Amino acid sequence: MKYLWKKIGTLIITLFIVSFLSFLAFSVIPGDAAQSKLGTEASEEQVKALQEEMGLNDPLLIRYGRWVVGFLQGDFGESYSYSVPVKEIVLNKIPIMVALVLLSFLWILVISIPVGIFLAQHSNRWFDYVIRVGNQVLMSIPSFFIGMIITLIFGLLLKWFTPGSYIPIEENFIGFLGYLIAPSIAMALPKSAMAIKILRSAILSQAGMDYVRTAYSRGNTKKQVLYRHIFRNAMIPTVTFWAMTLVDLVASSIIIEQVFSIPGMGSILITSISNRDYPVVQFIIVFIATIVIFVNFLVDLLYGKIDPRVHIRK
């Protein structure tokens, strides 16, 4: 329990540090939110008056403290560009990102685990070499480029879907998920190639351990040894990879949304950065940082479940 509270405390402190650094960065980078809101034709007096009204002239720590107090109370500030609460702009975009990331992660699991196990069982066969070469190619291609290829082939040529015809989740949930299939596959393919490589190597390294020979000597079949012993131990060194994959998918979703014209968190983030709409950007950064830190927190707990020795050492 002490270890759990220690990790929760570290999580909270890290979030405060990330939020403050991002707040500090917005204060020193070029650009003025008041000027951006009023336009280039606004007079200097108008800009200064709006800066005062928006509280931009207050000291950094006062502005940050005001933001933290509001954030803890569920008030994420007001958008400089749209003059509406940030949560009205951003919160309805979160399900889009979550659905896209989880669907991509599901594709990675469905593709990489059976293929990784199969290649480990049949290592050094001709198809093992072919798939490994294909993996190297896929790992070198960015997901957004794969998305462009998918759009060209399956969208424009084969017309399996209509590029840009995004279906909102509240309008048609099945249609919403259907439109996310193509972008989620584009995000999943490079990560699946890496996952196959890592899982194959982990299984092969475990297959030569003494405990495997002991398991065979007790009369276990190949399948029993593989799934009850080798696979479980092979997952220990890959837990961090799965966590980082989940985090990478969050970042990739921001880019892939632009390729497939998905009105999600990515489009809002890019627009808000251009407009110097810092309350919106600040919330998105903190939200993403929360996901990253929380995933790492879960990884630490999962390590303890998979291998109790890890928890004891900590």
Foldseek 3Di string as FASTA:
>chain_A
DVVLVVLVVVLVVVLLVLLLVLLVVLLPDDDDLLCLQVDPPDDPVSSVVVCVVQVVPPDSVVVSVVCVVCVVVVQLDAWSNPRHGLCVVAVLQVVLLVLLLVLLLVVLCVQQPVLLVVCLVVPPDPVNVVLLVVLVVLLPDQLLVQLLVCCVPVCVPVNVDDFQPADRCVRPVVSNSVLSPSSSPSLNRNLSSVSSVLLSVLLNVQCPDPVLVVVVVVPDDPVCSSVVPSNLRSVLVCLVVSLVSSLVSSVSVLVNCVSRVPPHLNVVLVVCVVSSRVSNVSVVSSVSSSSSSVSVSVSQVVSCVSPVVSVVVD
